[in-house]
Amino acid sequence: MTSRERILTALNHQVSDRVPVDFSGHRSSGIAAMAYARLREFLGLPRKPIRVYDPVQQLAIVDEDVLTRFRVDTIELGRAFAREDHWWTEWTLPDGTPCLMPVWAKPEWVADEWVLRSARTGRVIAQMPDGVWYFEQAHFPFLEHEDLDQLEAEFSECMWSAVASPPGPIVAGPDGAERLAAGARQLRAETDRAIIGLFGGNLLELGQWFYRNDQFFMLLAAEPERAHAFLERLTEIHLRQLERFARAVGGHIDLILFGDDLGMQKGPQISPAMYREFFQPRQQRLWRRARELIPARIMLHCCGGVRELLDGLIEAGLEAINPVQITCRGMDPAGLKRDFGHRLTFWGGGCDTRDMLSHGTPAQIREHVRRLVDLWRPGGGFVFQQVHNILADVPPENIVAMFDAVNE
């Protein structure tokens, strides 16, 4: 099978020739740039400039030699863009490793911390104090004053929606759709890996990013009419953006990735009733329209314990979910596979990153991964991915043990 065939076979709930593998196919299956530099050295690969494509999480672009070494079957649409050197500028990671950052999102050192600014207003929207490894949100656009007429403009004032990964501003402007289409078409011609197009379409999360978590929860609970007004306006924006995105990438991607972290360690952030009232109908509209526009499959990035919400997500049209956070309440792999495996592809849950990958021995990791793969793989509906990104302190020998266990 080609990589694309292998992924599509899994999505069709059939068993492929080997376990399909995702590594860095999206922004929650990647690797911190500091860990990536050590991984390349451990593998004895030539030194290359480390390109940080996600400035907030400081994730590295994984090079072709590593993708080949680990038999990776996926690639992100963003890899078609910002290939030229002029899109990158020098920076230094928190551990002193030199790297390259996108020119449009180079951090600035101000008063003992790194900051990222809005390109529109110059406001500080993200900050990373000295000694910290990742940026955190510094501005919530609707915390003090809500103006729904300015909702789309305020995307530039929120860290998670303003600090773009490639293609970033390359596809902005009046000819942006043509550039997006050309990049997607070129990548399709270059690779037989399954191409994942990152769209977003976040609803709950965007409310949290704009109002702050506590304020948005209170809005949902105490002022449902205001919450519906915000979410309806947001959905209209997402639908307009979806039309542009989907028409540009056409049939050049295999999956379109939406995002919304609905869970936490101890279960869902919201009740099933609140999900069905505020979010399910709007996700259904987005996913139905995506399916009408392009043949790509629908995947959702959704962290945390969300077992109680899975029926509703499937009813809304979900086909695959990542990262399958198996250490959360209700996310026992055996139960998930038994109860939902015939209706949903589990894209993840292949290795616990919180405890096992960070602190286990290579032998423990190999046994852990083999046990999970044996559980997830029967009947298809499984793509291997570690639970979320490989963090900066993970030993390279553990990463190699994880992928080698899958590919054995």
Foldseek 3Di string as FASTA:
>chain_A
DALLVCVVCLLVLHFDPAFAAAEPLDQWQYAAQLQVQQLCVVVVHDDDAWEQQQQQQRTTDDDPVVCVVLVHQHHELLVLAPPDPVQWDWDAALVGHIHIYGPQFDWDDDDQWTFTAQPVPRHTQWIGHRPGGGIDGDDAAPQPHDDLVCVVVCLSNFVVSNRHGPVPCCLDDPCSLVVSLVSLVVVLVVGSGAYEYEQALEQLVNLCRRNNNVRSVCCVVPPVVVSQVNRVSSLVVSVVVLVSNLLSNAASHAAYEYEYAQAAQAAGPDALVSCVVRPLVSLLVNLVVSVVRHVHAYEYEYDHHYPNNVVSVLVSPHSEYDAQQCNGPPSPLLVCCVPCVVRHAYEHPQFEQPDPQAPNDLVVLLVSNLVSCVRRRPSRSYHYGYHTYNYNRGHSSSVVSNSVSSVD
